[in-house]
Every structure is written in structure tokens, then in C-alpha cells.
Amino acid sequence: MIGSERWAEETNPEVVDLLRRVSAAGAPIGTICAGTLAAARAGLLNGRAHTSNSLEFLKANAVGYAGADLYDDTPRAVSCGGVVTAPGSAPGSFSVEVLRLAVPDQSQAIDAYAKMLAADHGR
């Protein structure tokens, strides 16, 4: 789920339901920036380590969010239990973690990609 101001404006129950079904099927899910609101509304962040633009952002915009105790205030993506979350400022680490879930058999190539991103950003 990509970010958009519309996530804060609309609850998108059809997307929330889809995320629940995708998660139940065991498929990987990636949410970045305001897209994390859909995952929070679906209950996918309750019981999983996660991040977003801020904890206050999730609390203010996601009815039913009960995962504050597992919120990680980090500038990088967090992957836990098949769900990747990231603040909008972390597209690089988000893409790396989504790839790790989507194509786990390509770990060497993903590691090289992560190293390239880190070199580009001085990390």
C-alpha cells in the first residue's frame, strides 16, 4: 500500500477487508507512509512490530488500532510476520524488506541492492 493523503481522509473498508484476506492467506504485505493506516485499520499492526510516519499519526487516523506497544520509532522499514511497514521517508529500506518477503530465494541479489542503496545514502 503506497502512501496518500486519502488514507487519512477515507477509511476504505474494501481495502481493509482485502488486507485481512491477503494476510490470512499468508501472502506478504507492504505498507508505507499513510498506507500504514489501512494495515492498522485491518488490525495487522496489533501484535506485530511496526512503524509508520509516527505513532500519533496511527492513533489519530486508524480507528481500532491497538498496536502502540509494538510501535518502533525508527526511520527505516520494519518487517514482522509477513508485514512490512515504513515511514514515507524510507522508500529504500521499504523496497529491500518487501523484496526479502516477495523473493526470499534471491537474498544475495537483495543484499547487493541494499548495499548499493546504503552507499548512495552514506549509510
Foldseek 3Di string as FASTA:
>chain_A
DEDDCVVQVDVPVVLLVVVLVCVVVVAAEEAEESSVLSCQLNVVLAPWQFEEQHPVVNVVRHPPRDNSVRYDPDQEWDDTSRYIYHYNNYPQRRVLVNCCRVPVVPVVVSVVSSVVVCVVVVD
